[in-house]
């Protein structure tokens, strides 16, 4: 199964990634406070266009490398759907996605 690698808060797990030049958006997909594995997480640009998709890891983690700017994260799983908007800058942007 494909999926995001396990990630840790505050950028742990990003060894070898130059956060001065890269923009990383990562977080956890959750339902009622519990991580949701195997959720489809989509990255949509400021116009709502589909840009990328990953499957959340066994611990609900996801990660995207993107350009700085406004993004929407949308998650879908049998546990529900969720969405959150972020403004990403160079470095690490963390965003949880709550399903309902």
N, C-alpha and C. Protein backbone atom coordinates (compact mmCIF):
# COMPACT_ATOMS: atom_id res chain seq x y z
N UNK A 1 0.84 -1.18 0.00
CA UNK A 1 0.00 0.00 0.00
C UNK A 1 0.88 1.24 0.00
N UNK A 2 0.54 2.19 -0.82
CA UNK A 2 1.26 3.46 -0.85
C UNK A 2 0.73 4.32 0.27
N UNK A 3 1.54 5.22 0.72
CA UNK A 3 1.09 6.15 1.75
C UNK A 3 2.21 7.03 2.21
N UNK A 4 1.86 7.99 3.02
CA UNK A 4 2.85 8.91 3.55
C UNK A 4 3.67 8.21 4.61
N UNK A 5 4.95 8.53 4.71
CA UNK A 5 5.76 7.96 5.78
C UNK A 5 5.32 8.52 7.13
N UNK A 6 5.62 7.82 8.19
CA UNK A 6 5.30 8.33 9.51
C UNK A 6 6.02 9.66 9.70
N UNK A 7 5.31 10.65 10.21
CA UNK A 7 5.89 11.97 10.41
C UNK A 7 5.77 12.34 11.86
N UNK A 8 6.63 13.24 12.25
CA UNK A 8 6.62 13.70 13.63
C UNK A 8 6.45 15.21 13.64
N UNK A 9 5.91 15.71 14.72
CA UNK A 9 5.67 17.15 14.84
C UNK A 9 6.96 17.95 14.76
N UNK A 10 6.83 19.19 14.43
CA UNK A 10 7.93 20.16 14.38
C UNK A 10 9.01 19.79 13.39
N UNK A 11 8.65 19.06 12.35
CA UNK A 11 9.60 18.80 11.27
C UNK A 11 10.49 17.61 11.46
N UNK A 12 10.37 16.88 12.56
CA UNK A 12 11.18 15.66 12.70
C UNK A 12 10.79 14.72 11.57
N UNK A 13 11.77 14.05 11.00
CA UNK A 13 11.52 13.20 9.85
C UNK A 13 11.79 13.90 8.54
N UNK A 14 12.20 15.15 8.60
CA UNK A 14 12.52 15.92 7.40
C UNK A 14 14.03 16.11 7.24
N UNK A 15 14.79 15.22 7.85
CA UNK A 15 16.24 15.31 7.72
C UNK A 15 16.59 15.28 6.24
N UNK A 16 17.52 16.12 5.84
CA UNK A 16 17.93 16.17 4.45
C UNK A 16 17.08 17.10 3.59
N UNK A 17 16.01 17.66 4.16
CA UNK A 17 15.18 18.61 3.42
C UNK A 17 15.56 20.02 3.88
N UNK A 18 15.93 20.87 2.94
CA UNK A 18 16.32 22.24 3.25
C UNK A 18 15.06 23.09 3.39
N UNK A 19 14.62 23.31 4.62
CA UNK A 19 13.39 24.06 4.86
C UNK A 19 13.56 25.56 4.60
N UNK A 20 14.77 26.00 4.29
CA UNK A 20 14.97 27.40 3.89
C UNK A 20 14.58 27.61 2.43
N UNK A 21 14.59 26.53 1.65
CA UNK A 21 14.26 26.64 0.23
C UNK A 21 13.03 25.83 -0.16
N UNK A 22 12.57 24.93 0.70
CA UNK A 22 11.43 24.07 0.39
C UNK A 22 10.20 24.50 1.19
N UNK A 23 9.03 24.20 0.65
CA UNK A 23 7.77 24.43 1.35
C UNK A 23 7.11 23.07 1.56
N UNK A 24 6.90 22.72 2.82
CA UNK A 24 6.33 21.42 3.18
C UNK A 24 5.03 21.65 3.94
N UNK A 25 3.99 20.96 3.51
CA UNK A 25 2.70 20.98 4.21
C UNK A 25 2.46 19.56 4.71
N UNK A 26 2.27 19.41 6.02
CA UNK A 26 2.06 18.08 6.57
C UNK A 26 1.13 18.15 7.76
N UNK A 27 0.60 17.00 8.13
CA UNK A 27 -0.27 16.93 9.28
C UNK A 27 -0.88 15.55 9.44
N UNK A 28 -1.98 15.51 10.17
CA UNK A 28 -2.66 14.25 10.48
C UNK A 28 -4.13 14.38 10.12
N UNK A 29 -4.68 13.32 9.55
CA UNK A 29 -6.12 13.22 9.32
C UNK A 29 -6.71 12.57 10.56
N UNK A 30 -7.75 13.21 11.15
CA UNK A 30 -8.33 12.72 12.40
C UNK A 30 -9.85 12.66 12.32
N UNK A 31 -10.41 11.73 13.07
CA UNK A 31 -11.86 11.64 13.26
C UNK A 31 -12.10 11.42 14.74
N UNK A 32 -12.82 12.33 15.36
CA UNK A 32 -13.07 12.26 16.80
C UNK A 32 -11.78 12.15 17.59
N UNK A 33 -10.73 12.84 17.14
CA UNK A 33 -9.45 12.85 17.85
C UNK A 33 -8.54 11.67 17.58
N UNK A 34 -9.01 10.70 16.80
CA UNK A 34 -8.19 9.51 16.49
C UNK A 34 -7.65 9.62 15.06
N UNK A 35 -6.40 9.19 14.84
CA UNK A 35 -5.84 9.24 13.48
C UNK A 35 -6.60 8.33 12.53
N UNK A 36 -6.69 8.75 11.27
CA UNK A 36 -7.41 7.99 10.24
C UNK A 36 -6.41 7.51 9.19
N UNK A 37 -6.13 6.20 9.16
CA UNK A 37 -5.25 5.67 8.12
C UNK A 37 -5.98 5.52 6.79
N UNK A 38 -5.23 5.48 5.71
CA UNK A 38 -5.74 5.20 4.36
C UNK A 38 -6.77 6.20 3.86
N UNK A 39 -6.72 7.44 4.37
CA UNK A 39 -7.59 8.50 3.83
C UNK A 39 -6.91 9.09 2.60
N UNK A 40 -7.71 9.43 1.61
CA UNK A 40 -7.18 10.12 0.44
C UNK A 40 -7.12 11.61 0.76
N UNK A 41 -5.93 12.19 0.67
CA UNK A 41 -5.74 13.61 0.98
C UNK A 41 -5.34 14.31 -0.31
N UNK A 42 -6.13 15.30 -0.68
CA UNK A 42 -5.87 16.06 -1.91
C UNK A 42 -5.38 17.46 -1.58
N UNK A 43 -4.47 17.93 -2.43
CA UNK A 43 -3.95 19.28 -2.34
C UNK A 43 -4.53 20.07 -3.51
N UNK A 44 -5.29 21.12 -3.19
CA UNK A 44 -5.92 21.96 -4.20
C UNK A 44 -5.30 23.35 -4.15
N UNK A 45 -5.05 23.94 -5.32
CA UNK A 45 -4.44 25.27 -5.34
C UNK A 45 -5.48 26.35 -5.02
N UNK A 46 -5.06 27.61 -5.09
CA UNK A 46 -5.93 28.73 -4.69
C UNK A 46 -7.18 28.84 -5.55
N UNK A 47 -7.16 28.27 -6.76
CA UNK A 47 -8.34 28.31 -7.63
C UNK A 47 -9.21 27.06 -7.48
N UNK A 48 -8.79 26.13 -6.61
CA UNK A 48 -9.54 24.89 -6.42
C UNK A 48 -9.12 23.76 -7.33
N UNK A 49 -8.08 24.00 -8.13
CA UNK A 49 -7.58 22.97 -9.05
C UNK A 49 -6.83 21.88 -8.28
N UNK A 50 -7.08 20.64 -8.66
CA UNK A 50 -6.37 19.49 -8.10
C UNK A 50 -4.89 19.60 -8.46
N UNK A 51 -4.02 19.40 -7.46
CA UNK A 51 -2.58 19.47 -7.67
C UNK A 51 -1.91 18.14 -7.37
N UNK A 52 -2.29 17.50 -6.25
CA UNK A 52 -1.65 16.25 -5.85
C UNK A 52 -2.56 15.50 -4.90
N UNK A 53 -2.25 14.20 -4.74
CA UNK A 53 -3.00 13.36 -3.80
C UNK A 53 -2.06 12.35 -3.17
N UNK A 54 -2.23 12.13 -1.87
CA UNK A 54 -1.50 11.06 -1.17
C UNK A 54 -2.51 10.29 -0.33
N UNK A 55 -2.10 9.13 0.13
CA UNK A 55 -2.90 8.32 1.05
C UNK A 55 -2.26 8.46 2.42
N UNK A 56 -3.06 8.76 3.44
CA UNK A 56 -2.50 8.92 4.78
C UNK A 56 -1.91 7.60 5.27
N UNK A 57 -0.88 7.73 6.09
CA UNK A 57 -0.17 6.56 6.61
C UNK A 57 -1.02 5.83 7.66
N UNK A 58 -0.48 4.76 8.18
CA UNK A 58 -1.17 3.98 9.22
C UNK A 58 -1.46 4.82 10.46
N UNK A 59 -0.70 5.90 10.65
CA UNK A 59 -0.91 6.79 11.79
C UNK A 59 -1.62 8.08 11.38
N UNK A 60 -2.23 8.09 10.18
CA UNK A 60 -3.00 9.23 9.72
C UNK A 60 -2.20 10.38 9.14
N UNK A 61 -0.88 10.20 9.01
CA UNK A 61 -0.02 11.28 8.55
C UNK A 61 -0.09 11.48 7.04
N UNK A 62 0.11 12.72 6.60
CA UNK A 62 0.24 13.04 5.18
C UNK A 62 1.32 14.11 5.04
N UNK A 63 1.87 14.25 3.84
CA UNK A 63 2.88 15.28 3.57
C UNK A 63 2.87 15.64 2.09
N UNK A 64 2.97 16.95 1.83
CA UNK A 64 3.12 17.45 0.47
C UNK A 64 4.29 18.41 0.41
N UNK A 65 5.00 18.41 -0.70
CA UNK A 65 5.97 19.45 -1.03
C UNK A 65 5.26 20.35 -2.03
N UNK A 66 5.20 21.64 -1.75
CA UNK A 66 4.40 22.55 -2.56
C UNK A 66 5.13 23.88 -2.73
N UNK A 67 4.51 24.78 -3.44
CA UNK A 67 5.00 26.15 -3.57
C UNK A 67 4.36 26.98 -2.45
N UNK A 68 5.00 28.07 -2.06
CA UNK A 68 4.36 28.95 -1.08
C UNK A 68 3.04 29.48 -1.64
N UNK A 69 2.08 29.71 -0.75
CA UNK A 69 0.81 30.27 -1.18
C UNK A 69 -0.38 29.67 -0.47
N UNK A 70 -1.56 29.96 -1.01
CA UNK A 70 -2.82 29.48 -0.43
C UNK A 70 -3.16 28.11 -1.00
N UNK A 71 -3.49 27.19 -0.11
CA UNK A 71 -3.82 25.81 -0.50
C UNK A 71 -5.03 25.34 0.29
N UNK A 72 -5.76 24.40 -0.29
CA UNK A 72 -6.83 23.71 0.42
C UNK A 72 -6.46 22.24 0.50
N UNK A 73 -6.62 21.67 1.67
CA UNK A 73 -6.40 20.24 1.90
C UNK A 73 -7.76 19.59 2.09
N UNK A 74 -8.03 18.56 1.32
CA UNK A 74 -9.32 17.87 1.39
C UNK A 74 -9.07 16.39 1.61
N UNK A 75 -9.72 15.81 2.62
CA UNK A 75 -9.54 14.38 2.93
C UNK A 75 -10.86 13.65 2.78
N UNK A 76 -10.75 12.40 2.31
CA UNK A 76 -11.92 11.55 2.12
C UNK A 76 -11.58 10.14 2.57
N UNK A 77 -12.45 9.56 3.38
CA UNK A 77 -12.28 8.17 3.82
C UNK A 77 -13.66 7.64 4.22
N UNK A 78 -13.76 6.33 4.46
CA UNK A 78 -15.04 5.80 4.95
C UNK A 78 -15.46 6.44 6.28
N UNK A 79 -14.50 7.02 7.02
CA UNK A 79 -14.81 7.66 8.30
C UNK A 79 -15.43 9.04 8.12
N UNK A 80 -15.38 9.60 6.90
CA UNK A 80 -15.96 10.91 6.65
C UNK A 80 -15.13 11.75 5.71
N UNK A 81 -15.48 13.03 5.67
CA UNK A 81 -14.79 14.00 4.81
C UNK A 81 -14.37 15.19 5.65
N UNK A 82 -13.29 15.84 5.22
CA UNK A 82 -12.84 17.03 5.92
C UNK A 82 -12.04 17.92 4.99
N UNK A 83 -11.92 19.17 5.38
CA UNK A 83 -11.21 20.14 4.55
C UNK A 83 -10.65 21.23 5.44
N UNK A 84 -9.49 21.75 5.09
CA UNK A 84 -8.92 22.89 5.78
C UNK A 84 -8.11 23.71 4.79
N UNK A 85 -8.05 25.01 5.03
CA UNK A 85 -7.27 25.91 4.18
C UNK A 85 -6.01 26.31 4.93
N UNK A 86 -4.91 26.45 4.19
CA UNK A 86 -3.65 26.88 4.78
C UNK A 86 -2.99 27.92 3.89
N UNK A 87 -2.18 28.75 4.51
CA UNK A 87 -1.27 29.65 3.79
C UNK A 87 0.12 29.13 4.10
N UNK A 88 0.75 28.53 3.10
CA UNK A 88 2.07 27.93 3.29
C UNK A 88 3.16 28.91 2.89
N UNK A 89 4.18 28.98 3.71
CA UNK A 89 5.37 29.77 3.40
C UNK A 89 6.54 28.82 3.35
N UNK A 90 7.68 29.29 2.92
CA UNK A 90 8.86 28.44 2.91
C UNK A 90 9.04 27.86 4.31
N UNK A 91 9.43 26.61 4.38
CA UNK A 91 9.57 25.93 5.65
C UNK A 91 8.43 24.95 5.84
N UNK A 92 8.07 24.73 7.09
CA UNK A 92 7.08 23.72 7.44
C UNK A 92 5.76 24.37 7.85
N UNK A 93 4.68 23.91 7.24
CA UNK A 93 3.33 24.30 7.63
C UNK A 93 2.62 23.03 8.07
N UNK A 94 2.11 23.02 9.30
CA UNK A 94 1.40 21.84 9.81
C UNK A 94 -0.09 22.14 9.88
N UNK A 95 -0.89 21.16 9.44
CA UNK A 95 -2.34 21.34 9.44
C UNK A 95 -3.03 20.00 9.65
N UNK A 96 -3.83 19.92 10.70
CA UNK A 96 -4.66 18.73 10.93
C UNK A 96 -5.92 18.86 10.09
N UNK A 97 -6.44 17.73 9.63
CA UNK A 97 -7.69 17.71 8.89
C UNK A 97 -8.67 16.86 9.70
N UNK A 98 -9.74 17.49 10.18
CA UNK A 98 -10.75 16.79 10.97
C UNK A 98 -11.87 16.31 10.06
N UNK A 99 -12.19 15.02 10.15
CA UNK A 99 -13.28 14.45 9.36
C UNK A 99 -14.59 14.57 10.12
N UNK A 100 -15.67 14.69 9.35
CA UNK A 100 -16.99 14.71 9.98
C UNK A 100 -17.95 13.90 9.14
